[in-house]
Amino acid sequence: MLVRDARDAYYTSSGTSSAAVRQLGLAGIAVVWILAGGLQKSGINLTKMLLTAGMLIVIGLFLDFAQYLWTTARLAMWVRRSEKRLRAIVADPTANVDNAEIGNAPKSVLPFMWGFFFSKAAAIAAAYILLLIQLWDRLIIS
């Protein structure tokens, strides 16, 4: 496998897992609402476990947003700085430097990016464990 093929597989995989976390988060909010009785006219019954699951889901969705915000801002600053440096080397402030090699992303991007990535997945997973416990407690087997 070529490095570029492995990198493409990695990008596809991380994008797919981020989309799955987002979808699970939104679906989890619906499950919390339904389990709390949101469809009943008598009001909702939000237990501590459901509230915790809901908060974990919201935290997971926020971490998803934070990951993209951090990575986008940090990479934009790096690319812009690299463009300016390359244009200064050729002494032309309007030079097209789109095909120039600028190396790997700065090391400061990765720890935060991976921290957000794994934290959001952990928050959603923990929320679903709580939701499964709530479902199991409500299961009536006859």
N, C-alpha and C. Protein backbone atom coordinates (compact mmCIF):
# COMPACT_ATOMS: atom_id res chain seq x y z
N MET A 1 0.85 -1.18 0.00
CA MET A 1 0.00 0.00 0.00
C MET A 1 0.90 1.24 0.00
N LEU A 2 0.57 2.18 -0.82
CA LEU A 2 1.32 3.43 -0.88
C LEU A 2 0.95 4.32 0.31
N VAL A 3 1.86 5.20 0.67
CA VAL A 3 1.61 6.12 1.77
C VAL A 3 0.36 6.96 1.49
N ARG A 4 0.22 7.45 0.26
CA ARG A 4 -0.95 8.29 -0.05
C ARG A 4 -2.25 7.48 0.05
N ASP A 5 -2.19 6.17 -0.30
CA ASP A 5 -3.38 5.32 -0.18
C ASP A 5 -3.74 5.10 1.29
N ALA A 6 -2.70 4.87 2.12
CA ALA A 6 -2.95 4.70 3.55
C ALA A 6 -3.50 5.99 4.15
N ARG A 7 -2.95 7.13 3.73
CA ARG A 7 -3.43 8.42 4.23
C ARG A 7 -4.88 8.65 3.81
N ASP A 8 -5.21 8.31 2.57
CA ASP A 8 -6.60 8.46 2.11
C ASP A 8 -7.54 7.57 2.92
N ALA A 9 -7.10 6.35 3.21
CA ALA A 9 -7.92 5.44 4.02
C ALA A 9 -8.13 6.01 5.42
N TYR A 10 -7.08 6.59 5.98
CA TYR A 10 -7.16 7.21 7.30
C TYR A 10 -8.14 8.38 7.30
N TYR A 11 -8.04 9.25 6.28
CA TYR A 11 -8.95 10.40 6.19
C TYR A 11 -10.40 9.94 6.06
N THR A 12 -10.62 8.93 5.24
CA THR A 12 -11.98 8.41 5.05
C THR A 12 -12.51 7.82 6.36
N SER A 13 -11.65 7.05 7.04
CA SER A 13 -12.07 6.42 8.29
C SER A 13 -12.37 7.43 9.37
N SER A 14 -11.51 8.43 9.55
CA SER A 14 -11.75 9.41 10.61
C SER A 14 -12.98 10.26 10.30
N GLY A 15 -13.19 10.57 9.02
CA GLY A 15 -14.38 11.34 8.63
C GLY A 15 -15.65 10.54 8.88
N THR A 16 -15.60 9.24 8.57
CA THR A 16 -16.76 8.37 8.77
C THR A 16 -17.06 8.21 10.25
N SER A 17 -16.03 8.03 11.07
CA SER A 17 -16.28 7.86 12.50
C SER A 17 -16.81 9.16 13.12
N SER A 18 -16.34 10.31 12.66
CA SER A 18 -16.87 11.58 13.15
C SER A 18 -18.34 11.74 12.78
N ALA A 19 -18.69 11.36 11.57
CA ALA A 19 -20.09 11.43 11.14
C ALA A 19 -20.95 10.48 11.97
N ALA A 20 -20.42 9.29 12.27
CA ALA A 20 -21.17 8.33 13.08
C ALA A 20 -21.39 8.86 14.49
N VAL A 21 -20.37 9.49 15.09
CA VAL A 21 -20.51 10.07 16.42
C VAL A 21 -21.60 11.14 16.41
N ARG A 22 -21.60 11.97 15.38
CA ARG A 22 -22.61 13.02 15.26
C ARG A 22 -24.01 12.42 15.17
N GLN A 23 -24.18 11.41 14.33
CA GLN A 23 -25.49 10.78 14.16
C GLN A 23 -25.94 10.08 15.44
N LEU A 24 -25.01 9.39 16.10
CA LEU A 24 -25.36 8.74 17.37
C LEU A 24 -25.73 9.77 18.42
N GLY A 25 -25.05 10.91 18.42
CA GLY A 25 -25.38 11.97 19.38
C GLY A 25 -26.78 12.50 19.17
N LEU A 26 -27.13 12.79 17.94
CA LEU A 26 -28.47 13.32 17.66
C LEU A 26 -29.54 12.27 17.93
N ALA A 27 -29.26 11.02 17.58
CA ALA A 27 -30.21 9.95 17.87
C ALA A 27 -30.34 9.75 19.38
N GLY A 28 -29.23 9.89 20.10
CA GLY A 28 -29.26 9.73 21.56
C GLY A 28 -30.12 10.77 22.24
N ILE A 29 -30.10 12.00 21.73
CA ILE A 29 -30.96 13.04 22.29
C ILE A 29 -32.43 12.63 22.13
N ALA A 30 -32.76 12.06 20.99
CA ALA A 30 -34.13 11.60 20.77
C ALA A 30 -34.49 10.47 21.72
N VAL A 31 -33.56 9.54 21.95
CA VAL A 31 -33.82 8.42 22.87
C VAL A 31 -34.03 8.95 24.29
N VAL A 32 -33.20 9.90 24.72
CA VAL A 32 -33.38 10.49 26.05
C VAL A 32 -34.76 11.11 26.16
N TRP A 33 -35.16 11.84 25.14
CA TRP A 33 -36.47 12.50 25.15
C TRP A 33 -37.61 11.48 25.23
N ILE A 34 -37.50 10.43 24.47
CA ILE A 34 -38.56 9.40 24.47
C ILE A 34 -38.60 8.68 25.82
N LEU A 35 -37.42 8.28 26.34
CA LEU A 35 -37.39 7.59 27.63
C LEU A 35 -37.86 8.48 28.77
N ALA A 36 -37.67 9.78 28.64
CA ALA A 36 -38.12 10.71 29.68
C ALA A 36 -39.62 10.96 29.57
N GLY A 37 -40.26 10.40 28.57
CA GLY A 37 -41.70 10.57 28.42
C GLY A 37 -42.07 11.82 27.65
N GLY A 38 -41.21 12.27 26.80
CA GLY A 38 -41.45 13.50 26.04
C GLY A 38 -42.65 13.43 25.12
N LEU A 39 -43.12 12.22 24.82
CA LEU A 39 -44.28 12.07 23.94
C LEU A 39 -45.59 12.00 24.72
N GLN A 40 -45.50 11.98 26.04
CA GLN A 40 -46.70 11.88 26.87
C GLN A 40 -47.22 13.27 27.21
N LYS A 41 -48.51 13.36 27.45
CA LYS A 41 -49.12 14.63 27.80
C LYS A 41 -48.94 14.97 29.28
N SER A 42 -48.56 13.97 30.07
CA SER A 42 -48.44 14.18 31.52
C SER A 42 -47.11 14.80 31.94
N GLY A 43 -46.24 15.08 31.01
CA GLY A 43 -44.94 15.69 31.34
C GLY A 43 -43.81 14.69 31.20
N ILE A 44 -42.63 15.18 31.48
CA ILE A 44 -41.47 14.32 31.33
C ILE A 44 -40.94 13.91 32.70
N ASN A 45 -40.26 12.76 32.73
CA ASN A 45 -39.64 12.24 33.94
C ASN A 45 -38.17 12.02 33.64
N LEU A 46 -37.38 13.07 33.81
CA LEU A 46 -35.96 13.01 33.48
C LEU A 46 -35.18 12.54 34.70
N THR A 47 -34.80 11.27 34.69
CA THR A 47 -34.03 10.71 35.80
C THR A 47 -32.60 11.24 35.77
N LYS A 48 -31.87 11.04 36.86
CA LYS A 48 -30.47 11.48 36.90
C LYS A 48 -29.66 10.78 35.82
N MET A 49 -29.94 9.50 35.57
CA MET A 49 -29.19 8.76 34.56
C MET A 49 -29.48 9.29 33.16
N LEU A 50 -30.75 9.60 32.90
CA LEU A 50 -31.09 10.16 31.58
C LEU A 50 -30.49 11.55 31.41
N LEU A 51 -30.52 12.34 32.48
CA LEU A 51 -29.92 13.67 32.42
C LEU A 51 -28.42 13.58 32.16
N THR A 52 -27.77 12.65 32.85
CA THR A 52 -26.33 12.45 32.65
C THR A 52 -26.03 12.01 31.22
N ALA A 53 -26.83 11.06 30.71
CA ALA A 53 -26.65 10.61 29.33
C ALA A 53 -26.84 11.77 28.36
N GLY A 54 -27.86 12.56 28.59
CA GLY A 54 -28.10 13.72 27.72
C GLY A 54 -26.96 14.72 27.76
N MET A 55 -26.43 14.97 28.95
CA MET A 55 -25.31 15.89 29.08
C MET A 55 -24.06 15.34 28.39
N LEU A 56 -23.82 14.05 28.52
CA LEU A 56 -22.67 13.44 27.84
C LEU A 56 -22.81 13.56 26.32
N ILE A 57 -24.02 13.42 25.84
CA ILE A 57 -24.26 13.56 24.39
C ILE A 57 -23.98 14.99 23.95
N VAL A 58 -24.48 15.95 24.70
CA VAL A 58 -24.23 17.36 24.36
C VAL A 58 -22.73 17.66 24.42
N ILE A 59 -22.05 17.14 25.42
CA ILE A 59 -20.61 17.32 25.52
C ILE A 59 -19.90 16.70 24.32
N GLY A 60 -20.33 15.50 23.95
CA GLY A 60 -19.73 14.83 22.78
C GLY A 60 -19.92 15.63 21.51
N LEU A 61 -21.11 16.19 21.32
CA LEU A 61 -21.36 17.02 20.14
C LEU A 61 -20.54 18.31 20.18
N PHE A 62 -20.39 18.89 21.37
CA PHE A 62 -19.56 20.08 21.50
C PHE A 62 -18.10 19.75 21.19
N LEU A 63 -17.60 18.62 21.67
CA LEU A 63 -16.22 18.21 21.39
C LEU A 63 -16.02 17.97 19.89
N ASP A 64 -17.04 17.47 19.22
CA ASP A 64 -16.97 17.29 17.77
C ASP A 64 -16.79 18.65 17.09
N PHE A 65 -17.59 19.61 17.51
CA PHE A 65 -17.48 20.97 16.98
C PHE A 65 -16.11 21.57 17.30
N ALA A 66 -15.65 21.38 18.54
CA ALA A 66 -14.37 21.94 18.96
C ALA A 66 -13.22 21.33 18.16
N GLN A 67 -13.31 20.04 17.86
CA GLN A 67 -12.26 19.39 17.06
C GLN A 67 -12.15 20.05 15.69
N TYR A 68 -13.27 20.25 15.04
CA TYR A 68 -13.24 20.84 13.72
C TYR A 68 -12.84 22.31 13.76
N LEU A 69 -13.30 23.01 14.77
CA LEU A 69 -12.95 24.43 14.90
C LEU A 69 -11.45 24.57 15.14
N TRP A 70 -10.90 23.83 16.08
CA TRP A 70 -9.47 23.89 16.39
C TRP A 70 -8.63 23.52 15.16
N THR A 71 -8.95 22.37 14.55
CA THR A 71 -8.15 21.89 13.43
C THR A 71 -8.21 22.86 12.26
N THR A 72 -9.40 23.36 11.96
CA THR A 72 -9.56 24.30 10.85
C THR A 72 -8.77 25.58 11.09
N ALA A 73 -8.91 26.15 12.27
CA ALA A 73 -8.22 27.41 12.58
C ALA A 73 -6.70 27.22 12.57
N ARG A 74 -6.24 26.16 13.20
CA ARG A 74 -4.79 25.93 13.30
C ARG A 74 -4.18 25.65 11.94
N LEU A 75 -4.84 24.82 11.12
CA LEU A 75 -4.32 24.53 9.78
C LEU A 75 -4.39 25.76 8.88
N ALA A 76 -5.43 26.56 9.01
CA ALA A 76 -5.54 27.78 8.20
C ALA A 76 -4.38 28.73 8.51
N MET A 77 -4.05 28.87 9.79
CA MET A 77 -2.94 29.75 10.16
C MET A 77 -1.61 29.21 9.60
N TRP A 78 -1.42 27.91 9.68
CA TRP A 78 -0.18 27.28 9.19
C TRP A 78 -0.06 27.44 7.68
N VAL A 79 -1.14 27.17 6.96
CA VAL A 79 -1.10 27.29 5.50
C VAL A 79 -0.85 28.74 5.09
N ARG A 80 -1.51 29.67 5.73
CA ARG A 80 -1.34 31.09 5.38
C ARG A 80 0.10 31.54 5.64
N ARG A 81 0.66 31.14 6.78
CA ARG A 81 2.04 31.48 7.10
C ARG A 81 3.00 30.85 6.07
N SER A 82 2.71 29.62 5.66
CA SER A 82 3.54 28.93 4.66
C SER A 82 3.46 29.63 3.31
N GLU A 83 2.26 30.05 2.93
CA GLU A 83 2.11 30.78 1.66
C GLU A 83 2.92 32.07 1.67
N LYS A 84 2.83 32.81 2.76
CA LYS A 84 3.59 34.07 2.86
C LYS A 84 5.09 33.81 2.79
N ARG A 85 5.56 32.77 3.47
CA ARG A 85 6.98 32.43 3.47
C ARG A 85 7.45 32.07 2.06
N LEU A 86 6.65 31.25 1.37
CA LEU A 86 7.03 30.84 0.01
C LEU A 86 7.02 32.02 -0.96
N ARG A 87 6.06 32.90 -0.81
CA ARG A 87 6.01 34.08 -1.67
C ARG A 87 7.17 35.02 -1.39
N ALA A 88 7.61 35.08 -0.15
CA ALA A 88 8.77 35.91 0.19
C ALA A 88 10.04 35.33 -0.43
N ILE A 89 10.14 34.01 -0.49
CA ILE A 89 11.32 33.36 -1.08
C ILE A 89 11.44 33.72 -2.56
N VAL A 90 10.31 33.71 -3.28
CA VAL A 90 10.35 34.02 -4.72
C VAL A 90 10.21 35.53 -4.96
N ALA A 91 10.08 36.29 -3.90
CA ALA A 91 9.96 37.77 -3.98
C ALA A 91 8.82 38.22 -4.87
N ASP A 92 7.71 37.48 -4.79
CA ASP A 92 6.52 37.86 -5.56
C ASP A 92 5.30 37.64 -4.67
N PRO A 93 4.67 38.72 -4.15
CA PRO A 93 3.56 38.56 -3.22
C PRO A 93 2.29 37.98 -3.86
N THR A 94 2.27 37.85 -5.18
CA THR A 94 1.09 37.29 -5.86
C THR A 94 1.39 35.94 -6.50
N ALA A 95 2.56 35.36 -6.24
CA ALA A 95 2.94 34.09 -6.87
C ALA A 95 1.99 32.98 -6.47
N ASN A 96 1.73 32.09 -7.43
CA ASN A 96 0.89 30.91 -7.18
C ASN A 96 1.78 29.85 -6.55
N VAL A 97 1.55 29.56 -5.29
CA VAL A 97 2.36 28.58 -4.56
C VAL A 97 1.54 27.34 -4.19
N ASP A 98 0.45 27.14 -4.90
CA ASP A 98 -0.45 26.03 -4.56
C ASP A 98 0.20 24.66 -4.66
N ASN A 99 1.17 24.47 -5.53
CA ASN A 99 1.78 23.16 -5.72
C ASN A 99 3.11 23.00 -4.98
N ALA A 100 3.45 23.96 -4.14
CA ALA A 100 4.70 23.88 -3.38
C ALA A 100 4.54 22.93 -2.20
N GLU A 101 5.61 22.24 -1.87
CA GLU A 101 5.63 21.32 -0.73
C GLU A 101 5.85 22.13 0.55
N ILE A 102 4.99 21.92 1.53
CA ILE A 102 5.14 22.66 2.80
C ILE A 102 5.37 21.73 3.99
N GLY A 103 5.49 20.44 3.75
CA GLY A 103 5.78 19.50 4.83
C GLY A 103 4.55 19.05 5.58
N ASN A 104 4.78 18.50 6.76
CA ASN A 104 3.69 17.98 7.59
C ASN A 104 3.07 19.10 8.42
N ALA A 105 1.86 18.85 8.86
CA ALA A 105 1.17 19.81 9.72
C ALA A 105 1.96 20.02 11.01
N PRO A 106 1.83 21.20 11.60
CA PRO A 106 2.55 21.47 12.85
C PRO A 106 2.17 20.47 13.95
N LYS A 107 3.15 20.14 14.76
CA LYS A 107 2.92 19.16 15.84
C LYS A 107 1.90 19.64 16.85
N SER A 108 1.70 20.94 16.96
CA SER A 108 0.74 21.47 17.94
C SER A 108 -0.71 21.16 17.56
N VAL A 109 -0.94 20.79 16.31
CA VAL A 109 -2.31 20.48 15.88
C VAL A 109 -2.76 19.12 16.40
N LEU A 110 -1.88 18.15 16.31
CA LEU A 110 -2.28 16.76 16.55
C LEU A 110 -2.74 16.43 17.97
N PRO A 111 -2.05 16.85 19.03
CA PRO A 111 -2.53 16.45 20.36
C PRO A 111 -3.96 16.92 20.65
N PHE A 112 -4.27 18.15 20.31
CA PHE A 112 -5.62 18.65 20.54
C PHE A 112 -6.63 17.95 19.63
N MET A 113 -6.26 17.76 18.38
CA MET A 113 -7.16 17.10 17.44
C MET A 113 -7.52 15.70 17.92
N TRP A 114 -6.49 14.93 18.30
CA TRP A 114 -6.75 13.57 18.78
C TRP A 114 -7.45 13.58 20.13
N GLY A 115 -7.12 14.54 20.98
CA GLY A 115 -7.81 14.64 22.26
C GLY A 115 -9.30 14.87 22.09
N PHE A 116 -9.65 15.81 21.22
CA PHE A 116 -11.06 16.05 20.92
C PHE A 116 -11.71 14.82 20.30
N PHE A 117 -11.01 14.20 19.35
CA PHE A 117 -11.55 13.04 18.62
C PHE A 117 -11.91 11.91 19.57
N PHE A 118 -10.95 11.50 20.42
CA PHE A 118 -11.21 10.37 21.32
C PHE A 118 -12.16 10.76 22.45
N SER A 119 -12.12 11.99 22.91
CA SER A 119 -13.02 12.43 23.98
C SER A 119 -14.47 12.43 23.52
N LYS A 120 -14.72 12.90 22.29
CA LYS A 120 -16.11 12.91 21.81
C LYS A 120 -16.64 11.49 21.66
N ALA A 121 -15.80 10.59 21.16
CA ALA A 121 -16.23 9.20 21.02
C ALA A 121 -16.49 8.57 22.39
N ALA A 122 -15.64 8.87 23.36
CA ALA A 122 -15.82 8.32 24.72
C ALA A 122 -17.09 8.87 25.37
N ALA A 123 -17.36 10.16 25.18
CA ALA A 123 -18.57 10.76 25.77
C ALA A 123 -19.83 10.13 25.19
N ILE A 124 -19.86 9.94 23.88
CA ILE A 124 -21.04 9.32 23.25
C ILE A 124 -21.17 7.87 23.68
N ALA A 125 -20.05 7.14 23.76
CA ALA A 125 -20.10 5.74 24.19
C ALA A 125 -20.61 5.62 25.63
N ALA A 126 -20.13 6.49 26.50
CA ALA A 126 -20.59 6.46 27.90
C ALA A 126 -22.08 6.78 27.98
N ALA A 127 -22.54 7.73 27.18
CA ALA A 127 -23.96 8.08 27.16
C ALA A 127 -24.80 6.88 26.72
N TYR A 128 -24.34 6.17 25.70
CA TYR A 128 -25.11 5.01 25.22
C TYR A 128 -25.10 3.87 26.23
N ILE A 129 -24.05 3.74 27.01
CA ILE A 129 -24.05 2.73 28.07
C ILE A 129 -25.14 3.07 29.09
N LEU A 130 -25.23 4.34 29.47
CA LEU A 130 -26.29 4.76 30.40
C LEU A 130 -27.67 4.56 29.80
N LEU A 131 -27.82 4.86 28.51
CA LEU A 131 -29.12 4.66 27.85
C LEU A 131 -29.49 3.18 27.80
N LEU A 132 -28.51 2.32 27.55
CA LEU A 132 -28.78 0.88 27.54
C LEU A 132 -29.18 0.38 28.93
N ILE A 133 -28.56 0.92 29.96
CA ILE A 133 -28.95 0.55 31.34
C ILE A 133 -30.39 0.98 31.59
N GLN A 134 -30.76 2.20 31.17
CA GLN A 134 -32.13 2.67 31.34
C GLN A 134 -33.11 1.81 30.56
N LEU A 135 -32.75 1.44 29.35
CA LEU A 135 -33.62 0.56 28.55
C LEU A 135 -33.77 -0.79 29.22
N TRP A 136 -32.69 -1.34 29.72
CA TRP A 136 -32.73 -2.65 30.38
C TRP A 136 -33.60 -2.60 31.62
N ASP A 137 -33.50 -1.51 32.40
CA ASP A 137 -34.32 -1.36 33.61
C ASP A 137 -35.81 -1.28 33.27
N ARG A 138 -36.13 -0.77 32.11
CA ARG A 138 -37.54 -0.60 31.71
C ARG A 138 -38.08 -1.78 30.93
N LEU A 139 -37.21 -2.71 30.60
CA LEU A 139 -37.62 -3.87 29.80
C LEU A 139 -38.52 -4.78 30.63
N ILE A 140 -39.65 -5.11 30.07
CA ILE A 140 -40.59 -6.00 30.74
C ILE A 140 -40.61 -7.32 29.95
N ILE A 141 -40.17 -8.36 30.60
CA ILE A 141 -40.14 -9.67 29.96
C ILE A 141 -41.25 -10.50 30.56
N SER A 142 -42.10 -10.98 29.66
CA SER A 142 -43.24 -11.79 30.19
C SER A 142 -43.10 -13.23 29.83
